[in-house]
N, C-alpha and C. Protein backbone atom coordinates (compact mmCIF):
# COMPACT_ATOMS: atom_id res chain seq x y z
N UNK A 1 -12.76 -57.77 -116.87
CA UNK A 1 -13.98 -56.92 -117.64
C UNK A 1 -13.74 -55.53 -118.07
N UNK A 2 -14.57 -55.11 -119.13
CA UNK A 2 -14.47 -53.60 -119.78
C UNK A 2 -14.96 -52.80 -118.99
N UNK A 3 -14.59 -51.37 -118.45
CA UNK A 3 -14.64 -50.61 -117.53
C UNK A 3 -14.86 -49.33 -118.13
N UNK A 4 -14.76 -48.92 -119.82
CA UNK A 4 -14.87 -48.14 -120.71
C UNK A 4 -15.57 -47.56 -120.17
N UNK A 5 -16.63 -47.53 -120.08
CA UNK A 5 -18.14 -46.72 -119.48
C UNK A 5 -18.21 -46.38 -118.49
N UNK A 6 -17.09 -47.08 -117.05
CA UNK A 6 -17.18 -46.52 -115.81
C UNK A 6 -17.52 -45.10 -115.98
N UNK A 7 -16.48 -44.46 -116.13
CA UNK A 7 -16.22 -42.48 -116.60
C UNK A 7 -17.50 -42.22 -116.83
N UNK A 8 -18.37 -42.52 -117.61
CA UNK A 8 -19.46 -41.85 -118.64
C UNK A 8 -20.27 -42.18 -117.24
N UNK A 9 -20.63 -43.37 -117.07
CA UNK A 9 -21.80 -43.37 -115.88
C UNK A 9 -21.50 -42.79 -114.58
N UNK A 10 -20.27 -42.61 -113.99
CA UNK A 10 -19.95 -41.69 -113.08
C UNK A 10 -20.28 -39.84 -113.17
N UNK A 11 -20.03 -39.91 -114.16
CA UNK A 11 -20.09 -38.44 -114.83
C UNK A 11 -21.96 -38.47 -114.69
N UNK A 12 -22.47 -39.02 -115.33
CA UNK A 12 -23.58 -38.99 -115.49
C UNK A 12 -24.70 -38.53 -113.83
N UNK A 13 -24.18 -39.83 -113.36
CA UNK A 13 -24.74 -39.77 -112.09
C UNK A 13 -24.59 -38.64 -111.04
N UNK A 14 -23.14 -38.05 -111.24
CA UNK A 14 -22.78 -36.73 -109.99
C UNK A 14 -23.98 -35.55 -110.60
N UNK A 15 -24.40 -35.99 -112.20
CA UNK A 15 -25.29 -34.89 -112.56
C UNK A 15 -26.82 -35.07 -111.81
N UNK A 16 -27.02 -36.27 -110.90
CA UNK A 16 -28.29 -36.45 -110.50
C UNK A 16 -28.28 -36.20 -108.85
N UNK A 17 -30.01 -35.79 -108.95
CA UNK A 17 -30.38 -35.07 -107.18
C UNK A 17 -29.83 -35.93 -106.41
N UNK A 18 -29.72 -36.02 -105.20
CA UNK A 18 -29.15 -36.88 -104.06
C UNK A 18 -30.39 -37.63 -103.73
N UNK A 19 -31.74 -37.25 -104.36
CA UNK A 19 -32.50 -38.58 -103.92
C UNK A 19 -33.75 -38.54 -104.61
N UNK A 20 -34.08 -39.91 -105.28
CA UNK A 20 -35.30 -40.56 -106.38
C UNK A 20 -36.13 -40.79 -105.21
N UNK A 21 -37.24 -41.58 -106.74
CA UNK A 21 -38.26 -42.01 -106.43
C UNK A 21 -38.49 -42.90 -106.93
N UNK A 22 -38.86 -44.38 -105.90
CA UNK A 22 -38.75 -46.06 -106.34
C UNK A 22 -39.68 -46.22 -107.54
N UNK A 23 -38.83 -46.54 -108.54
CA UNK A 23 -39.92 -46.68 -110.17
C UNK A 23 -41.10 -47.35 -109.59
N UNK A 24 -41.42 -48.39 -108.86
CA UNK A 24 -42.50 -49.46 -108.29
C UNK A 24 -43.21 -48.95 -107.23
N UNK A 25 -43.10 -48.50 -105.80
CA UNK A 25 -43.86 -47.81 -104.80
C UNK A 25 -44.32 -46.47 -104.52
N UNK A 26 -43.24 -45.91 -105.62
CA UNK A 26 -43.21 -44.40 -105.51
C UNK A 26 -42.81 -43.38 -104.77
N UNK A 27 -42.02 -44.19 -103.66
CA UNK A 27 -41.27 -43.42 -102.58
C UNK A 27 -40.54 -43.26 -102.42
N UNK A 28 -39.86 -41.87 -102.04
CA UNK A 28 -38.77 -41.49 -101.80
C UNK A 28 -37.61 -41.58 -101.09
N UNK A 29 -35.94 -41.98 -101.42
CA UNK A 29 -35.74 -42.84 -100.92
C UNK A 29 -34.12 -41.89 -101.70
N UNK A 30 -32.86 -41.74 -100.34
CA UNK A 30 -31.48 -41.41 -100.49
C UNK A 30 -30.91 -42.30 -101.77
N UNK A 31 -30.69 -41.62 -103.01
CA UNK A 31 -30.41 -42.49 -104.17
C UNK A 31 -29.48 -43.63 -104.23
N UNK A 32 -28.65 -43.10 -103.05
CA UNK A 32 -28.12 -44.34 -102.52
C UNK A 32 -27.79 -45.34 -102.00
N UNK A 33 -29.43 -45.54 -101.72
CA UNK A 33 -30.06 -47.01 -100.85
C UNK A 33 -31.14 -47.46 -102.25
N UNK A 34 -30.61 -46.76 -103.37
CA UNK A 34 -31.96 -47.64 -104.31
C UNK A 34 -31.12 -48.26 -105.31
N UNK A 35 -31.60 -49.30 -106.14
CA UNK A 35 -31.13 -50.17 -106.63
C UNK A 35 -31.07 -49.85 -107.71
N UNK A 36 -30.39 -49.73 -108.99
CA UNK A 36 -30.76 -49.51 -110.56
C UNK A 36 -30.47 -50.72 -111.71
N UNK A 37 -31.65 -50.58 -112.27
CA UNK A 37 -32.18 -51.71 -113.25
C UNK A 37 -30.70 -51.95 -114.31
N UNK A 38 -30.08 -53.42 -114.22
CA UNK A 38 -29.00 -53.35 -114.98
C UNK A 38 -29.25 -53.44 -116.63
N UNK A 39 -30.57 -53.59 -116.66
CA UNK A 39 -31.13 -53.70 -118.83
C UNK A 39 -31.14 -52.32 -118.92
N UNK A 40 -31.54 -51.33 -118.08
CA UNK A 40 -31.57 -49.78 -119.06
C UNK A 40 -30.81 -48.90 -117.98
N UNK A 41 -30.13 -48.64 -116.78
CA UNK A 41 -29.85 -48.01 -116.03
C UNK A 41 -30.26 -47.09 -115.61
N UNK A 42 -31.88 -46.73 -116.09
CA UNK A 42 -32.56 -45.57 -115.61
C UNK A 42 -33.58 -45.89 -114.59
N UNK A 43 -34.11 -47.30 -114.43
CA UNK A 43 -35.61 -47.46 -113.41
C UNK A 43 -34.21 -47.39 -112.23
N UNK A 44 -34.97 -46.72 -110.71
CA UNK A 44 -34.39 -47.28 -110.06
C UNK A 44 -35.46 -47.67 -108.35
N UNK A 45 -35.39 -48.51 -107.74
CA UNK A 45 -36.04 -49.41 -107.16
C UNK A 45 -35.15 -49.76 -105.38
N UNK A 46 -36.18 -49.90 -104.98
CA UNK A 46 -35.74 -49.75 -103.57
C UNK A 46 -35.64 -51.05 -103.05
N UNK A 47 -36.27 -51.85 -103.65
CA UNK A 47 -36.21 -53.80 -103.06
C UNK A 47 -35.61 -53.99 -104.81
N UNK A 48 -35.55 -55.68 -104.10
CA UNK A 48 -35.45 -56.62 -104.95
C UNK A 48 -37.13 -56.79 -105.65
N UNK A 49 -37.80 -57.08 -104.58
CA UNK A 49 -39.18 -56.89 -104.45
C UNK A 49 -39.83 -55.67 -105.39
N UNK A 50 -39.87 -54.86 -105.60
CA UNK A 50 -40.20 -53.79 -106.23
C UNK A 50 -39.84 -53.91 -107.56
N UNK A 51 -38.41 -54.00 -107.66
CA UNK A 51 -38.06 -54.09 -109.27
C UNK A 51 -38.65 -55.80 -109.91
N UNK A 52 -39.03 -56.70 -108.85
CA UNK A 52 -39.68 -57.96 -109.60
C UNK A 52 -41.67 -57.58 -110.07
N UNK A 53 -41.81 -56.97 -109.04
CA UNK A 53 -43.54 -56.47 -109.27
C UNK A 53 -43.47 -55.45 -110.23
N UNK A 54 -42.53 -54.70 -110.60
CA UNK A 54 -42.68 -53.77 -111.41
C UNK A 54 -42.41 -54.24 -113.07
N UNK A 55 -41.37 -55.49 -113.53
CA UNK A 55 -41.05 -55.83 -114.43
C UNK A 55 -42.37 -56.29 -115.48
N UNK A 56 -43.30 -56.63 -115.07
CA UNK A 56 -43.94 -57.25 -116.36
C UNK A 56 -44.23 -55.92 -117.14
N UNK A 57 -44.25 -54.39 -116.30
CA UNK A 57 -44.18 -53.04 -117.21
C UNK A 57 -43.31 -52.72 -117.46
N UNK A 58 -41.91 -52.82 -116.65
CA UNK A 58 -40.68 -51.98 -116.90
C UNK A 58 -39.96 -52.71 -118.42
N UNK A 59 -40.06 -54.27 -118.80
CA UNK A 59 -39.60 -54.65 -119.09
C UNK A 59 -40.03 -54.45 -121.21
N UNK A 60 -41.22 -53.92 -121.09
CA UNK A 60 -41.72 -53.38 -122.28
C UNK A 60 -40.99 -52.18 -123.00
N UNK A 61 -40.03 -51.91 -122.24
CA UNK A 61 -39.27 -50.60 -122.82
C UNK A 61 -37.81 -50.83 -122.20
N UNK A 62 -37.61 -51.65 -121.31
CA UNK A 62 -36.47 -51.81 -120.49
C UNK A 62 -34.81 -51.98 -122.09
N UNK A 63 -34.10 -51.00 -121.94
CA UNK A 63 -33.15 -51.16 -122.73
C UNK A 63 -33.43 -50.40 -124.37
N UNK A 64 -34.98 -50.05 -124.65
CA UNK A 64 -34.92 -49.38 -125.68
C UNK A 64 -34.51 -48.17 -125.89
N UNK A 65 -33.90 -48.14 -127.45
CA UNK A 65 -33.26 -46.72 -127.35
C UNK A 65 -34.25 -45.30 -127.30
N UNK A 66 -35.30 -45.11 -127.52
CA UNK A 66 -36.26 -44.47 -127.74
C UNK A 66 -36.61 -43.70 -126.16
N UNK A 67 -36.05 -44.36 -125.03
CA UNK A 67 -35.91 -43.94 -124.06
C UNK A 67 -34.67 -43.78 -122.92
N UNK A 68 -33.84 -43.89 -123.73
CA UNK A 68 -32.64 -43.82 -123.36
C UNK A 68 -32.78 -42.24 -123.12
N UNK A 69 -31.39 -41.59 -121.68
CA UNK A 69 -31.25 -40.27 -121.87
C UNK A 69 -30.92 -39.55 -123.07
N UNK A 70 -31.20 -38.27 -123.12
CA UNK A 70 -30.52 -37.85 -124.48
C UNK A 70 -29.17 -37.03 -123.95
N UNK A 71 -28.52 -37.11 -123.12
CA UNK A 71 -27.54 -36.40 -122.56
C UNK A 71 -26.35 -37.47 -122.82
N UNK A 72 -27.11 -39.15 -123.12
CA UNK A 72 -25.71 -39.94 -123.49
C UNK A 72 -25.44 -39.84 -124.73
N UNK A 73 -24.02 -39.95 -125.40
CA UNK A 73 -23.80 -40.45 -126.69
C UNK A 73 -24.15 -41.21 -127.59
N UNK A 74 -24.92 -40.59 -129.02
CA UNK A 74 -25.61 -41.52 -130.03
C UNK A 74 -24.99 -43.05 -129.56
N UNK A 75 -23.24 -43.04 -129.83
CA UNK A 75 -23.11 -44.42 -129.97
C UNK A 75 -23.42 -45.35 -128.28
N UNK A 76 -23.49 -44.92 -127.36
CA UNK A 76 -23.61 -45.48 -125.84
C UNK A 76 -24.55 -46.53 -126.27
N UNK A 77 -24.44 -47.80 -125.43
CA UNK A 77 -25.20 -48.45 -125.70
C UNK A 77 -25.33 -49.16 -124.81
N UNK A 78 -26.76 -49.65 -124.34
CA UNK A 78 -26.78 -50.36 -122.89
C UNK A 78 -27.28 -52.18 -123.45
N UNK A 79 -26.68 -52.49 -122.56
CA UNK A 79 -26.69 -54.06 -122.51
C UNK A 79 -27.63 -54.63 -122.04
N UNK A 80 -28.61 -55.80 -122.28
CA UNK A 80 -29.66 -56.36 -121.33
C UNK A 80 -29.28 -57.51 -120.47
N UNK A 81 -29.60 -57.52 -119.18
CA UNK A 81 -29.02 -58.59 -118.40
C UNK A 81 -29.19 -59.35 -118.96
N UNK A 82 -28.54 -60.97 -119.74
CA UNK A 82 -28.76 -61.87 -120.03
C UNK A 82 -29.87 -63.06 -118.86
N UNK A 83 -29.24 -62.88 -117.99
CA UNK A 83 -30.33 -63.90 -117.09
C UNK A 83 -31.69 -63.48 -116.67
N UNK A 84 -32.21 -61.94 -117.18
CA UNK A 84 -33.24 -60.87 -117.08
C UNK A 84 -33.03 -60.71 -116.14
N UNK A 85 -34.14 -60.76 -114.41
CA UNK A 85 -34.68 -60.63 -113.40
C UNK A 85 -34.59 -61.73 -112.31
C-alpha cells in the first residue's frame, strides 16, 4: 500500500492538541484514545458506537472538500471508506 501521505498526516497530527472532544457525545478524551473517521480524517469518536450514532449527520459532509482543513495542500485528496461505516 501507498504510504506517501503518511508524513503529511504525521505532521498535521503533531500540530493538534493532546485532548479532543468526541464528535458525537461531546466528552473530552486524550486524543490517543479517540478513533478518527477514515472518510474525512477530521471527525474523532470515543467509540464505534458514537461513530455509528453520528453517521446520519456526519455522512452529509464526510470527505467533502469545503470542510477539509485549510492547512493541507490543495492537491491533497481524502478517500472515502468503500465499505462505509
